């Protein structure tokens, strides 16, 4: 069975062409357009895996090589906040104009006991962490927290096990940002 026929059958079975599916069947059509192009390229098993892997990374705006930190990688967004540069290869990496220190805002993702995920602060440790040096490849760590409702719809989050922060601070500079950062 050809890849085109296989993909169409699987997408139909999953209901991706149905009018009552997400995006009214447009997802199935969009995937089939990609499958048709991919199929026409005639890849072998090895090259197919490489193409799929590379496509997935660039389609998700993921960098293929580490960030260099060179001036050409930064856009000045100071008009928004008065002193910040944003990396133009990884939009979640920023640099303070005044100090030249760069940070990654998704260094830590907090995972609650109820299965939720968020970025922000827990016990005065922020999701954003300073980058030790360039070249740099963004890395996200998942750290467990206990959520506690202190009053109706007002929650605080406590780090379940501080040992989970050890790999974070091996990769990033150890910095407590505080809850307001």
C-alpha atoms as a PDB file:
ATOM      1  CA  UNK A   1       0.000   0.000   0.000  1.00  0.00           C
ATOM      2  CA  UNK A   2       1.333   3.423  -0.888  1.00  0.00           C
ATOM      3  CA  UNK A   3       2.001   6.051   1.740  1.00  0.00           C
ATOM      4  CA  UNK A   4      -0.734   8.251   0.255  1.00  0.00           C
ATOM      5  CA  UNK A   5      -3.367   5.511   0.531  1.00  0.00           C
ATOM      6  CA  UNK A   6      -2.181   4.511   3.989  1.00  0.00           C
ATOM      7  CA  UNK A   7      -2.250   8.092   5.304  1.00  0.00           C
ATOM      8  CA  UNK A   8      -5.686   8.799   3.833  1.00  0.00           C
ATOM      9  CA  UNK A   9      -7.130   5.593   5.304  1.00  0.00           C
ATOM     10  CA  UNK A  10      -5.725   6.344   8.778  1.00  0.00           C
ATOM     11  CA  UNK A  11      -6.899   9.955   8.697  1.00  0.00           C
ATOM     12  CA  UNK A  12     -10.396   8.872   7.591  1.00  0.00           C
ATOM     13  CA  UNK A  13     -10.605   6.214  10.311  1.00  0.00           C
ATOM     14  CA  UNK A  14      -9.629   8.853  12.881  1.00  0.00           C
ATOM     15  CA  UNK A  15     -12.287  11.204  11.517  1.00  0.00           C
ATOM     16  CA  UNK A  16      -9.960  13.990  10.391  1.00  0.00           C
ATOM     17  CA  UNK A  17     -11.927  14.597   7.173  1.00  0.00           C
ATOM     18  CA  UNK A  18     -15.295  14.798   8.953  1.00  0.00           C
ATOM     19  CA  UNK A  19     -17.129  18.119   8.990  1.00  0.00           C
ATOM     20  CA  UNK A  20     -17.648  17.783  12.758  1.00  0.00           C
ATOM     21  CA  UNK A  21     -13.919  17.206  13.454  1.00  0.00           C
ATOM     22  CA  UNK A  22     -11.438  19.852  14.515  1.00  0.00           C
ATOM     23  CA  UNK A  23     -11.228  22.562  11.852  1.00  0.00           C
ATOM     24  CA  UNK A  24     -14.151  20.980   9.977  1.00  0.00           C
ATOM     25  CA  UNK A  25     -12.031  18.396   8.172  1.00  0.00           C
ATOM     26  CA  UNK A  26      -9.273  20.792   7.141  1.00  0.00           C
ATOM     27  CA  UNK A  27      -6.628  18.959   9.209  1.00  0.00           C
ATOM     28  CA  UNK A  28      -6.986  15.822   7.119  1.00  0.00           C
ATOM     29  CA  UNK A  29      -6.665  17.831   3.915  1.00  0.00           C
ATOM     30  CA  UNK A  30      -3.623  19.726   5.197  1.00  0.00           C
ATOM     31  CA  UNK A  31      -1.832  16.536   6.223  1.00  0.00           C
ATOM     32  CA  UNK A  32      -2.629  14.907   2.883  1.00  0.00           C
ATOM     33  CA  UNK A  33      -1.073  17.836   1.016  1.00  0.00           C
ATOM     34  CA  UNK A  34       2.141  17.328   2.977  1.00  0.00           C
ATOM     35  CA  UNK A  35       2.022  13.546   2.472  1.00  0.00           C
ATOM     36  CA  UNK A  36       1.616  13.980  -1.304  1.00  0.00           C
ATOM     37  CA  UNK A  37       4.692  16.228  -1.536  1.00  0.00           C
ATOM     38  CA  UNK A  38       6.677  13.937   0.765  1.00  0.00           C
ATOM     39  CA  UNK A  39       5.636  10.869  -1.217  1.00  0.00           C
ATOM     40  CA  UNK A  40       6.680  12.447  -4.541  1.00  0.00           C
ATOM     41  CA  UNK A  41      10.193  13.000  -3.177  1.00  0.00           C
ATOM     42  CA  UNK A  42      10.798   9.224  -3.186  1.00  0.00           C
ATOM     43  CA  UNK A  43      12.719   8.886   0.068  1.00  0.00           C
ATOM     44  CA  UNK A  44      14.233   5.665   1.316  1.00  0.00           C
ATOM     45  CA  UNK A  45      13.776   4.678   4.957  1.00  0.00           C
ATOM     46  CA  UNK A  46      16.884   6.564   6.095  1.00  0.00           C
ATOM     47  CA  UNK A  47      16.309   9.782   4.196  1.00  0.00           C
ATOM     48  CA  UNK A  48      12.581   9.707   5.031  1.00  0.00           C
ATOM     49  CA  UNK A  49      13.341   9.680   8.751  1.00  0.00           C
ATOM     50  CA  UNK A  50      15.843  12.507   8.357  1.00  0.00           C
ATOM     51  CA  UNK A  51      13.422  14.654   6.339  1.00  0.00           C
ATOM     52  CA  UNK A  52      10.557  14.065   8.799  1.00  0.00           C
ATOM     53  CA  UNK A  53      12.815  14.894  11.746  1.00  0.00           C
ATOM     54  CA  UNK A  54      14.167  18.079  10.160  1.00  0.00           C
ATOM     55  CA  UNK A  55      10.729  19.156   8.966  1.00  0.00           C
ATOM     56  CA  UNK A  56       9.238  18.680  12.412  1.00  0.00           C
ATOM     57  CA  UNK A  57      11.955  20.800  14.034  1.00  0.00           C
ATOM     58  CA  UNK A  58      11.761  23.727  11.615  1.00  0.00           C
ATOM     59  CA  UNK A  59       7.946  23.598  11.460  1.00  0.00           C
ATOM     60  CA  UNK A  60       7.960  23.980  15.269  1.00  0.00           C
ATOM     61  CA  UNK A  61      10.425  26.891  15.048  1.00  0.00           C
ATOM     62  CA  UNK A  62      13.125  24.834  16.795  1.00  0.00           C
ATOM     63  CA  UNK A  63      16.740  25.707  16.137  1.00  0.00           C
ATOM     64  CA  UNK A  64      18.917  23.156  14.358  1.00  0.00           C
ATOM     65  CA  UNK A  65      22.190  24.508  15.734  1.00  0.00           C
ATOM     66  CA  UNK A  66      22.970  26.100  19.088  1.00  0.00           C
ATOM     67  CA  UNK A  67      22.400  29.826  19.450  1.00  0.00           C
ATOM     68  CA  UNK A  68      25.630  31.766  19.057  1.00  0.00           C
ATOM     69  CA  UNK A  69      24.689  34.881  21.013  1.00  0.00           C
ATOM     70  CA  UNK A  70      26.107  37.044  18.211  1.00  0.00           C
ATOM     71  CA  UNK A  71      24.582  40.484  17.650  1.00  0.00           C
ATOM     72  CA  UNK A  72      22.867  39.347  14.424  1.00  0.00           C
ATOM     73  CA  UNK A  73      20.666  36.957  16.463  1.00  0.00           C
ATOM     74  CA  UNK A  74      18.962  39.726  18.468  1.00  0.00           C
ATOM     75  CA  UNK A  75      16.065  42.063  17.733  1.00  0.00           C
ATOM     76  CA  UNK A  76      15.648  45.184  19.811  1.00  0.00           C
ATOM     77  CA  UNK A  77      12.200  45.179  21.416  1.00  0.00           C
ATOM     78  CA  UNK A  78      13.033  48.009  23.797  1.00  0.00           C
ATOM     79  CA  UNK A  79      10.016  50.016  22.677  1.00  0.00           C
ATOM     80  CA  UNK A  80       7.925  47.382  24.479  1.00  0.00           C
ATOM     81  CA  UNK A  81       9.716  47.478  27.827  1.00  0.00           C
ATOM     82  CA  UNK A  82      12.677  49.851  27.695  1.00  0.00           C
ATOM     83  CA  UNK A  83      15.640  47.531  27.507  1.00  0.00           C
ATOM     84  CA  UNK A  84      15.220  44.024  26.110  1.00  0.00           C
ATOM     85  CA  UNK A  85      16.505  42.165  23.083  1.00  0.00           C
ATOM     86  CA  UNK A  86      14.724  39.087  21.740  1.00  0.00           C
ATOM     87  CA  UNK A  87      16.513  36.268  19.963  1.00  0.00           C
ATOM     88  CA  UNK A  88      15.352  35.943  16.355  1.00  0.00           C
ATOM     89  CA  UNK A  89      16.107  32.222  16.169  1.00  0.00           C
ATOM     90  CA  UNK A  90      14.393  31.173  19.415  1.00  0.00           C
ATOM     91  CA  UNK A  91      11.727  33.671  20.402  1.00  0.00           C
ATOM     92  CA  UNK A  92      11.680  32.536  24.039  1.00  0.00           C
ATOM     93  CA  UNK A  93      15.286  33.673  24.592  1.00  0.00           C
ATOM     94  CA  UNK A  94      15.842  37.275  25.662  1.00  0.00           C
ATOM     95  CA  UNK A  95      18.746  39.493  26.638  1.00  0.00           C
ATOM     96  CA  UNK A  96      18.853  42.473  28.958  1.00  0.00           C
ATOM     97  CA  UNK A  97      20.317  45.425  27.060  1.00  0.00           C
ATOM     98  CA  UNK A  98      21.852  46.990  30.125  1.00  0.00           C
ATOM     99  CA  UNK A  99      23.641  43.918  31.515  1.00  0.00           C
ATOM    100  CA  UNK A 100      23.973  41.794  28.370  1.00  0.00           C
ATOM    101  CA  UNK A 101      22.688  38.778  30.312  1.00  0.00           C
ATOM    102  CA  UNK A 102      20.516  36.365  28.341  1.00  0.00           C
ATOM    103  CA  UNK A 103      17.751  34.163  29.697  1.00  0.00           C
ATOM    104  CA  UNK A 104      15.371  31.460  28.538  1.00  0.00           C
ATOM    105  CA  UNK A 105      11.775  31.919  29.691  1.00  0.00           C
ATOM    106  CA  UNK A 106      10.845  28.220  29.425  1.00  0.00           C
ATOM    107  CA  UNK A 107      13.778  26.759  31.373  1.00  0.00           C
ATOM    108  CA  UNK A 108      11.391  25.296  33.955  1.00  0.00           C
ATOM    109  CA  UNK A 109       7.866  24.056  33.411  1.00  0.00           C
ATOM    110  CA  UNK A 110       6.063  23.371  36.669  1.00  0.00           C
ATOM    111  CA  UNK A 111       3.968  20.185  36.877  1.00  0.00           C
ATOM    112  CA  UNK A 112       1.158  20.063  39.467  1.00  0.00           C
ATOM    113  CA  UNK A 113      -0.093  17.028  41.349  1.00  0.00           C
ATOM    114  CA  UNK A 114      -3.366  17.374  39.405  1.00  0.00           C
ATOM    115  CA  UNK A 115      -1.681  17.004  36.010  1.00  0.00           C
ATOM    116  CA  UNK A 116      -1.511  20.689  35.103  1.00  0.00           C
ATOM    117  CA  UNK A 117       1.519  22.468  33.686  1.00  0.00           C
ATOM    118  CA  UNK A 118       2.474  26.135  33.859  1.00  0.00           C
ATOM    119  CA  UNK A 119       5.340  28.591  33.673  1.00  0.00           C
ATOM    120  CA  UNK A 120       5.846  31.309  36.226  1.00  0.00           C
ATOM    121  CA  UNK A 121       7.126  30.999  39.780  1.00  0.00           C
ATOM    122  CA  UNK A 122       7.093  28.463  42.585  1.00  0.00           C
ATOM    123  CA  UNK A 123       8.739  29.203  45.938  1.00  0.00           C
ATOM    124  CA  UNK A 124      10.396  32.288  44.390  1.00  0.00           C
ATOM    125  CA  UNK A 125      12.055  30.231  41.641  1.00  0.00           C
ATOM    126  CA  UNK A 126      11.077  31.402  38.168  1.00  0.00           C
ATOM    127  CA  UNK A 127      10.600  29.433  34.984  1.00  0.00           C
ATOM    128  CA  UNK A 128      12.983  31.832  33.290  1.00  0.00           C
ATOM    129  CA  UNK A 129      16.636  31.223  33.970  1.00  0.00           C
ATOM    130  CA  UNK A 130      19.845  32.955  32.952  1.00  0.00           C
ATOM    131  CA  UNK A 131      21.960  31.267  30.303  1.00  0.00           C
ATOM    132  CA  UNK A 132      25.465  30.391  31.492  1.00  0.00           C
ATOM    133  CA  UNK A 133      27.179  30.888  28.135  1.00  0.00           C
ATOM    134  CA  UNK A 134      26.943  30.672  24.363  1.00  0.00           C
ATOM    135  CA  UNK A 135      26.757  28.586  22.236  1.00  0.00           C
ATOM    136  CA  UNK A 136      23.444  27.635  23.858  1.00  0.00           C
ATOM    137  CA  UNK A 137      20.740  25.085  23.132  1.00  0.00           C
ATOM    138  CA  UNK A 138      17.458  25.695  24.981  1.00  0.00           C
ATOM    139  CA  UNK A 139      16.514  22.955  27.404  1.00  0.00           C
ATOM    140  CA  UNK A 140      13.314  22.718  29.447  1.00  0.00           C
ATOM    141  CA  UNK A 141      13.161  20.922  32.789  1.00  0.00           C
ATOM    142  CA  UNK A 142       9.909  19.667  34.332  1.00  0.00           C
ATOM    143  CA  UNK A 143       9.694  20.157  38.098  1.00  0.00           C
ATOM    144  CA  UNK A 144       6.904  18.880  40.334  1.00  0.00           C
ATOM    145  CA  UNK A 145       5.002  21.319  42.523  1.00  0.00           C
ATOM    146  CA  UNK A 146       2.210  21.051  45.048  1.00  0.00           C
ATOM    147  CA  UNK A 147      -0.604  23.513  44.412  1.00  0.00           C
ATOM    148  CA  UNK A 148      -2.357  24.927  47.416  1.00  0.00           C
ATOM    149  CA  UNK A 149      -5.459  27.114  47.399  1.00  0.00           C
ATOM    150  CA  UNK A 150      -4.886  29.764  50.075  1.00  0.00           C
ATOM    151  CA  UNK A 151      -8.280  31.358  49.471  1.00  0.00           C
ATOM    152  CA  UNK A 152     -10.917  30.985  46.772  1.00  0.00           C
ATOM    153  CA  UNK A 153      -9.206  31.104  43.337  1.00  0.00           C
ATOM    154  CA  UNK A 154      -5.880  32.198  44.880  1.00  0.00           C
ATOM    155  CA  UNK A 155      -3.219  29.537  44.571  1.00  0.00           C
ATOM    156  CA  UNK A 156       0.384  29.162  45.692  1.00  0.00           C
ATOM    157  CA  UNK A 157       2.799  26.579  44.399  1.00  0.00           C
ATOM    158  CA  UNK A 158       5.512  24.841  46.405  1.00  0.00           C
ATOM    159  CA  UNK A 159       8.349  22.815  44.924  1.00  0.00           C
ATOM    160  CA  UNK A 160       7.754  19.190  45.866  1.00  0.00           C
ATOM    161  CA  UNK A 161      11.428  18.140  45.843  1.00  0.00           C
ATOM    162  CA  UNK A 162      14.230  20.715  45.622  1.00  0.00           C
ATOM    163  CA  UNK A 163      16.520  17.966  44.314  1.00  0.00           C
ATOM    164  CA  UNK A 164      14.681  18.311  40.978  1.00  0.00           C
ATOM    165  CA  UNK A 165      16.267  21.764  40.639  1.00  0.00           C
ATOM    166  CA  UNK A 166      19.823  20.387  40.670  1.00  0.00           C
ATOM    167  CA  UNK A 167      19.967  19.612  36.915  1.00  0.00           C
ATOM    168  CA  UNK A 168      18.360  22.999  36.190  1.00  0.00           C
ATOM    169  CA  UNK A 169      21.154  24.814  38.004  1.00  0.00           C
ATOM    170  CA  UNK A 170      23.803  22.654  36.360  1.00  0.00           C
ATOM    171  CA  UNK A 171      22.522  23.842  32.977  1.00  0.00           C
ATOM    172  CA  UNK A 172      21.503  27.416  33.890  1.00  0.00           C
ATOM    173  CA  UNK A 173      22.889  29.970  36.322  1.00  0.00           C
ATOM    174  CA  UNK A 174      21.319  29.486  39.722  1.00  0.00           C
ATOM    175  CA  UNK A 175      19.099  32.524  40.217  1.00  0.00           C
ATOM    176  CA  UNK A 176      16.000  33.145  42.250  1.00  0.00           C
ATOM    177  CA  UNK A 177      13.994  35.698  40.314  1.00  0.00           C
ATOM    178  CA  UNK A 178      11.224  36.219  42.808  1.00  0.00           C
ATOM    179  CA  UNK A 179       7.502  35.903  42.245  1.00  0.00           C
ATOM    180  CA  UNK A 180       7.202  39.237  40.459  1.00  0.00           C
ATOM    181  CA  UNK A 181       9.634  38.440  37.663  1.00  0.00           C
END
